[in-house]
């Protein structure tokens, strides 16, 4: 899947990739309800939750979430 850019805001990534919020919520990361999603990036989230960013991106890509612009 293309389009996972760790420097994009979480809000933008969730708009572009329906299902991403649900995937993250299953990991205990509730970006879908967080006001900071407008400014926090995927890299920020990985850092806050002490996740390996490249591994997280790979896991997201394997889900095959559809990309909507």
PDB file of N, CA and C in Angstrom:
ATOM      1  N   UNK A   1       0.840  -1.179   0.000  1.00  0.00           N
ATOM      2  CA  UNK A   1       0.000   0.000   0.000  1.00  0.00           C
ATOM      3  C   UNK A   1       0.874   1.226   0.000  1.00  0.00           C
ATOM      4  N   UNK A   2       0.562   2.129  -0.854  1.00  0.00           N
ATOM      5  CA  UNK A   2       1.299   3.376  -0.906  1.00  0.00           C
ATOM      6  C   UNK A   2       0.634   4.404  -0.008  1.00  0.00           C
ATOM      7  N   UNK A   3       1.360   5.459   0.309  1.00  0.00           N
ATOM      8  CA  UNK A   3       0.751   6.581   0.984  1.00  0.00           C
ATOM      9  C   UNK A   3       0.939   6.643   2.480  1.00  0.00           C
ATOM     10  N   UNK A   4       1.638   5.695   3.091  1.00  0.00           N
ATOM     11  CA  UNK A   4       1.887   5.785   4.521  1.00  0.00           C
ATOM     12  C   UNK A   4       3.131   6.641   4.705  1.00  0.00           C
ATOM     13  N   UNK A   5       2.875   7.890   5.021  1.00  0.00           N
ATOM     14  CA  UNK A   5       3.929   8.873   5.225  1.00  0.00           C
ATOM     15  C   UNK A   5       3.907   9.249   6.698  1.00  0.00           C
ATOM     16  N   UNK A   6       4.936   8.857   7.424  1.00  0.00           N
ATOM     17  CA  UNK A   6       4.982   9.052   8.875  1.00  0.00           C
ATOM     18  C   UNK A   6       5.026  10.511   9.275  1.00  0.00           C
ATOM     19  N   UNK A   7       5.213  11.417   8.309  1.00  0.00           N
ATOM     20  CA  UNK A   7       5.249  12.838   8.641  1.00  0.00           C
ATOM     21  C   UNK A   7       3.891  13.517   8.465  1.00  0.00           C
ATOM     22  N   UNK A   8       2.898  12.781   7.960  1.00  0.00           N
ATOM     23  CA  UNK A   8       1.550  13.328   7.818  1.00  0.00           C
ATOM     24  C   UNK A   8       0.844  13.287   9.166  1.00  0.00           C
ATOM     25  N   UNK A   9      -0.105  14.211   9.363  1.00  0.00           N
ATOM     26  CA  UNK A   9      -0.879  14.190  10.602  1.00  0.00           C
ATOM     27  C   UNK A   9      -1.712  12.908  10.650  1.00  0.00           C
ATOM     28  N   UNK A  10      -2.008  12.473  11.852  1.00  0.00           N
ATOM     29  CA  UNK A  10      -2.825  11.280  12.010  1.00  0.00           C
ATOM     30  C   UNK A  10      -4.221  11.493  11.426  1.00  0.00           C
ATOM     31  N   UNK A  11      -4.766  12.692  11.598  1.00  0.00           N
ATOM     32  CA  UNK A  11      -6.093  12.980  11.044  1.00  0.00           C
ATOM     33  C   UNK A  11      -6.090  12.781   9.526  1.00  0.00           C
ATOM     34  N   UNK A  12      -5.062  13.279   8.886  1.00  0.00           N
ATOM     35  CA  UNK A  12      -4.976  13.135   7.429  1.00  0.00           C
ATOM     36  C   UNK A  12      -4.824  11.664   7.036  1.00  0.00           C
ATOM     37  N   UNK A  13      -3.940  10.947   7.732  1.00  0.00           N
ATOM     38  CA  UNK A  13      -3.753   9.527   7.416  1.00  0.00           C
ATOM     39  C   UNK A  13      -5.043   8.747   7.614  1.00  0.00           C
ATOM     40  N   UNK A  14      -5.798   9.071   8.657  1.00  0.00           N
ATOM     41  CA  UNK A  14      -7.052   8.354   8.905  1.00  0.00           C
ATOM     42  C   UNK A  14      -8.095   8.689   7.852  1.00  0.00           C
ATOM     43  N   UNK A  15      -8.073   9.916   7.331  1.00  0.00           N
ATOM     44  CA  UNK A  15      -8.985  10.261   6.224  1.00  0.00           C
ATOM     45  C   UNK A  15      -8.585   9.519   4.949  1.00  0.00           C
ATOM     46  N   UNK A  16      -7.293   9.427   4.707  1.00  0.00           N
ATOM     47  CA  UNK A  16      -6.798   8.782   3.489  1.00  0.00           C
ATOM     48  C   UNK A  16      -6.919   7.262   3.536  1.00  0.00           C
ATOM     49  N   UNK A  17      -6.880   6.702   4.737  1.00  0.00           N
ATOM     50  CA  UNK A  17      -6.879   5.244   4.893  1.00  0.00           C
ATOM     51  C   UNK A  17      -7.978   4.814   5.865  1.00  0.00           C
ATOM     52  N   UNK A  18      -9.201   4.694   5.350  1.00  0.00           N
ATOM     53  CA  UNK A  18     -10.288   4.234   6.211  1.00  0.00           C
ATOM     54  C   UNK A  18      -9.913   2.894   6.841  1.00  0.00           C
ATOM     55  N   UNK A  19     -10.189   2.757   8.086  1.00  0.00           N
ATOM     56  CA  UNK A  19      -9.835   1.532   8.796  1.00  0.00           C
ATOM     57  C   UNK A  19      -8.596   1.700   9.659  1.00  0.00           C
ATOM     58  N   UNK A  20      -7.805   2.737   9.415  1.00  0.00           N
ATOM     59  CA  UNK A  20      -6.584   2.943  10.193  1.00  0.00           C
ATOM     60  C   UNK A  20      -6.909   3.231  11.655  1.00  0.00           C
ATOM     61  N   UNK A  21      -7.935   4.046  11.902  1.00  0.00           N
ATOM     62  CA  UNK A  21      -8.303   4.364  13.285  1.00  0.00           C
ATOM     63  C   UNK A  21      -8.695   3.097  14.040  1.00  0.00           C
ATOM     64  N   UNK A  22      -9.447   2.219  13.387  1.00  0.00           N
ATOM     65  CA  UNK A  22      -9.862   0.959  14.021  1.00  0.00           C
ATOM     66  C   UNK A  22      -8.635   0.078  14.312  1.00  0.00           C
ATOM     67  N   UNK A  23      -7.735  -0.031  13.353  1.00  0.00           N
ATOM     68  CA  UNK A  23      -6.513  -0.810  13.543  1.00  0.00           C
ATOM     69  C   UNK A  23      -5.727  -0.289  14.744  1.00  0.00           C
ATOM     70  N   UNK A  24      -5.551   1.027  14.825  1.00  0.00           N
ATOM     71  CA  UNK A  24      -4.797   1.613  15.931  1.00  0.00           C
ATOM     72  C   UNK A  24      -5.529   1.427  17.256  1.00  0.00           C
ATOM     73  N   UNK A  25      -6.849   1.554  17.240  1.00  0.00           N
ATOM     74  CA  UNK A  25      -7.631   1.369  18.463  1.00  0.00           C
ATOM     75  C   UNK A  25      -7.463  -0.037  19.012  1.00  0.00           C
ATOM     76  N   UNK A  26      -7.329  -1.020  18.135  1.00  0.00           N
ATOM     77  CA  UNK A  26      -7.104  -2.400  18.577  1.00  0.00           C
ATOM     78  C   UNK A  26      -5.763  -2.535  19.290  1.00  0.00           C
ATOM     79  N   UNK A  27      -4.846  -1.617  19.030  1.00  0.00           N
ATOM     80  CA  UNK A  27      -3.549  -1.610  19.690  1.00  0.00           C
ATOM     81  C   UNK A  27      -3.549  -0.716  20.933  1.00  0.00           C
ATOM     82  N   UNK A  28      -4.729  -0.159  21.262  1.00  0.00           N
ATOM     83  CA  UNK A  28      -4.829   0.721  22.412  1.00  0.00           C
ATOM     84  C   UNK A  28      -4.459   2.162  22.111  1.00  0.00           C
ATOM     85  N   UNK A  29      -4.414   2.510  20.826  1.00  0.00           N
ATOM     86  CA  UNK A  29      -4.069   3.862  20.389  1.00  0.00           C
ATOM     87  C   UNK A  29      -5.334   4.491  19.830  1.00  0.00           C
ATOM     88  N   UNK A  30      -5.901   5.458  20.555  1.00  0.00           N
ATOM     89  CA  UNK A  30      -7.204   5.993  20.195  1.00  0.00           C
ATOM     90  C   UNK A  30      -7.083   7.326  19.463  1.00  0.00           C
ATOM     91  N   UNK A  31      -6.446   7.321  18.310  1.00  0.00           N
ATOM     92  CA  UNK A  31      -6.253   8.540  17.519  1.00  0.00           C
ATOM     93  C   UNK A  31      -7.554   9.066  16.933  1.00  0.00           C
ATOM     94  N   UNK A  32      -8.510   8.197  16.712  1.00  0.00           N
ATOM     95  CA  UNK A  32      -9.761   8.609  16.107  1.00  0.00           C
ATOM     96  C   UNK A  32     -10.546   9.585  16.961  1.00  0.00           C
ATOM     97  N   UNK A  33     -10.344   9.574  18.253  1.00  0.00           N
ATOM     98  CA  UNK A  33     -11.066  10.447  19.173  1.00  0.00           C
ATOM     99  C   UNK A  33     -10.193  11.571  19.720  1.00  0.00           C
ATOM    100  N   UNK A  34      -8.938  11.615  19.341  1.00  0.00           N
ATOM    101  CA  UNK A  34      -7.986  12.547  19.940  1.00  0.00           C
ATOM    102  C   UNK A  34      -7.886  13.843  19.130  1.00  0.00           C
ATOM    103  N   UNK A  35      -8.046  14.966  19.812  1.00  0.00           N
ATOM    104  CA  UNK A  35      -7.922  16.251  19.137  1.00  0.00           C
ATOM    105  C   UNK A  35      -6.506  16.495  18.615  1.00  0.00           C
ATOM    106  N   UNK A  36      -5.514  15.885  19.252  1.00  0.00           N
ATOM    107  CA  UNK A  36      -4.128  16.064  18.829  1.00  0.00           C
ATOM    108  C   UNK A  36      -3.841  15.391  17.493  1.00  0.00           C
ATOM    109  N   UNK A  37      -4.792  14.592  16.989  1.00  0.00           N
ATOM    110  CA  UNK A  37      -4.563  13.913  15.709  1.00  0.00           C
ATOM    111  C   UNK A  37      -4.376  14.892  14.560  1.00  0.00           C
ATOM    112  N   UNK A  38      -4.837  16.118  14.745  1.00  0.00           N
ATOM    113  CA  UNK A  38      -4.653  17.138  13.708  1.00  0.00           C
ATOM    114  C   UNK A  38      -3.192  17.583  13.592  1.00  0.00           C
ATOM    115  N   UNK A  39      -2.426  17.414  14.654  1.00  0.00           N
ATOM    116  CA  UNK A  39      -1.029  17.857  14.636  1.00  0.00           C
ATOM    117  C   UNK A  39      -0.041  16.719  14.837  1.00  0.00           C
ATOM    118  N   UNK A  40      -0.437  15.673  15.568  1.00  0.00           N
ATOM    119  CA  UNK A  40       0.471  14.550  15.789  1.00  0.00           C
ATOM    120  C   UNK A  40       0.618  13.733  14.511  1.00  0.00           C
ATOM    121  N   UNK A  41       1.831  13.303  14.246  1.00  0.00           N
ATOM    122  CA  UNK A  41       2.113  12.479  13.079  1.00  0.00           C
ATOM    123  C   UNK A  41       2.201  11.017  13.500  1.00  0.00           C
ATOM    124  N   UNK A  42       2.275  10.128  12.527  1.00  0.00           N
ATOM    125  CA  UNK A  42       2.463   8.711  12.831  1.00  0.00           C
ATOM    126  C   UNK A  42       3.792   8.515  13.568  1.00  0.00           C
ATOM    127  N   UNK A  43       4.801   9.273  13.184  1.00  0.00           N
ATOM    128  CA  UNK A  43       6.091   9.192  13.880  1.00  0.00           C
ATOM    129  C   UNK A  43       5.937   9.611  15.340  1.00  0.00           C
ATOM    130  N   UNK A  44       5.153  10.648  15.597  1.00  0.00           N
ATOM    131  CA  UNK A  44       4.898  11.090  16.974  1.00  0.00           C
ATOM    132  C   UNK A  44       4.203   9.987  17.775  1.00  0.00           C
ATOM    133  N   UNK A  45       3.195   9.382  17.172  1.00  0.00           N
ATOM    134  CA  UNK A  45       2.436   8.324  17.843  1.00  0.00           C
ATOM    135  C   UNK A  45       3.350   7.143  18.170  1.00  0.00           C
ATOM    136  N   UNK A  46       4.163   6.753  17.213  1.00  0.00           N
ATOM    137  CA  UNK A  46       5.086   5.637  17.460  1.00  0.00           C
ATOM    138  C   UNK A  46       6.031   5.966  18.616  1.00  0.00           C
ATOM    139  N   UNK A  47       6.506   7.177  18.647  1.00  0.00           N
ATOM    140  CA  UNK A  47       7.405   7.597  19.726  1.00  0.00           C
ATOM    141  C   UNK A  47       6.670   7.601  21.071  1.00  0.00           C
ATOM    142  N   UNK A  48       5.451   8.153  21.106  1.00  0.00           N
ATOM    143  CA  UNK A  48       4.684   8.230  22.350  1.00  0.00           C
ATOM    144  C   UNK A  48       4.346   6.851  22.917  1.00  0.00           C
ATOM    145  N   UNK A  49       4.064   5.908  22.024  1.00  0.00           N
ATOM    146  CA  UNK A  49       3.676   4.573  22.459  1.00  0.00           C
ATOM    147  C   UNK A  49       4.842   3.589  22.435  1.00  0.00           C
ATOM    148  N   UNK A  50       6.033   4.114  22.213  1.00  0.00           N
ATOM    149  CA  UNK A  50       7.266   3.314  22.181  1.00  0.00           C
ATOM    150  C   UNK A  50       7.153   2.131  21.217  1.00  0.00           C
ATOM    151  N   UNK A  51       6.709   2.445  19.997  1.00  0.00           N
ATOM    152  CA  UNK A  51       6.585   1.448  18.940  1.00  0.00           C
ATOM    153  C   UNK A  51       7.693   1.643  17.918  1.00  0.00           C
ATOM    154  N   UNK A  52       8.075   0.570  17.278  1.00  0.00           N
ATOM    155  CA  UNK A  52       9.055   0.625  16.206  1.00  0.00           C
ATOM    156  C   UNK A  52       8.342   1.148  14.960  1.00  0.00           C
ATOM    157  N   UNK A  53       8.702   2.360  14.531  1.00  0.00           N
ATOM    158  CA  UNK A  53       7.995   2.999  13.418  1.00  0.00           C
ATOM    159  C   UNK A  53       8.046   2.186  12.130  1.00  0.00           C
ATOM    160  N   UNK A  54       9.217   1.729  11.682  1.00  0.00           N
ATOM    161  CA  UNK A  54       9.222   0.937  10.437  1.00  0.00           C
ATOM    162  C   UNK A  54       8.359  -0.330  10.546  1.00  0.00           C
ATOM    163  N   UNK A  55       8.373  -0.973  11.691  1.00  0.00           N
ATOM    164  CA  UNK A  55       7.546  -2.174  11.879  1.00  0.00           C
ATOM    165  C   UNK A  55       6.064  -1.827  11.865  1.00  0.00           C
ATOM    166  N   UNK A  56       5.708  -0.688  12.475  1.00  0.00           N
ATOM    167  CA  UNK A  56       4.313  -0.250  12.481  1.00  0.00           C
ATOM    168  C   UNK A  56       3.842   0.053  11.062  1.00  0.00           C
ATOM    169  N   UNK A  57       4.659   0.745  10.295  1.00  0.00           N
ATOM    170  CA  UNK A  57       4.305   1.053   8.904  1.00  0.00           C
ATOM    171  C   UNK A  57       4.127  -0.236   8.110  1.00  0.00           C
ATOM    172  N   UNK A  58       5.017  -1.185   8.290  1.00  0.00           N
ATOM    173  CA  UNK A  58       4.909  -2.469   7.591  1.00  0.00           C
ATOM    174  C   UNK A  58       3.614  -3.175   7.963  1.00  0.00           C
ATOM    175  N   UNK A  59       3.287  -3.158   9.253  1.00  0.00           N
ATOM    176  CA  UNK A  59       2.052  -3.800   9.703  1.00  0.00           C
ATOM    177  C   UNK A  59       0.830  -3.126   9.091  1.00  0.00           C
ATOM    178  N   UNK A  60       0.832  -1.813   9.038  1.00  0.00           N
ATOM    179  CA  UNK A  60      -0.281  -1.075   8.424  1.00  0.00           C
ATOM    180  C   UNK A  60      -0.381  -1.424   6.944  1.00  0.00           C
ATOM    181  N   UNK A  61       0.750  -1.485   6.266  1.00  0.00           N
ATOM    182  CA  UNK A  61       0.752  -1.786   4.838  1.00  0.00           C
ATOM    183  C   UNK A  61       0.230  -3.180   4.555  1.00  0.00           C
ATOM    184  N   UNK A  62       0.486  -4.139   5.440  1.00  0.00           N
ATOM    185  CA  UNK A  62       0.006  -5.505   5.218  1.00  0.00           C
ATOM    186  C   UNK A  62      -1.504  -5.614   5.375  1.00  0.00           C
ATOM    187  N   UNK A  63      -2.124  -4.621   6.023  1.00  0.00           N
ATOM    188  CA  UNK A  63      -3.577  -4.650   6.185  1.00  0.00           C
ATOM    189  C   UNK A  63      -4.293  -4.414   4.871  1.00  0.00           C
ATOM    190  N   UNK A  64      -3.634  -3.705   3.955  1.00  0.00           N
ATOM    191  CA  UNK A  64      -4.258  -3.420   2.665  1.00  0.00           C
ATOM    192  C   UNK A  64      -5.397  -2.429   2.771  1.00  0.00           C
ATOM    193  N   UNK A  65      -5.293  -1.488   3.721  1.00  0.00           N
ATOM    194  CA  UNK A  65      -6.333  -0.475   3.851  1.00  0.00           C
ATOM    195  C   UNK A  65      -6.404   0.340   2.569  1.00  0.00           C
ATOM    196  N   UNK A  66      -7.596   0.647   2.153  1.00  0.00           N
ATOM    197  CA  UNK A  66      -7.773   1.407   0.915  1.00  0.00           C
ATOM    198  C   UNK A  66      -7.303   2.841   1.100  1.00  0.00           C
ATOM    199  N   UNK A  67      -6.761   3.390   0.051  1.00  0.00           N
ATOM    200  CA  UNK A  67      -6.276   4.765   0.066  1.00  0.00           C
ATOM    201  C   UNK A  67      -7.287   5.652  -0.634  1.00  0.00           C
ATOM    202  N   UNK A  68      -7.762   6.652   0.088  1.00  0.00           N
ATOM    203  CA  UNK A  68      -8.689   7.634  -0.479  1.00  0.00           C
ATOM    204  C   UNK A  68      -8.049   9.001  -0.339  1.00  0.00           C
ATOM    205  N   UNK A  69      -8.091   9.782  -1.393  1.00  0.00           N
ATOM    206  CA  UNK A  69      -7.516  11.146  -1.325  1.00  0.00           C
ATOM    207  C   UNK A  69      -8.614  12.146  -1.077  1.00  0.00           C
TER     208      UNK A  69
END
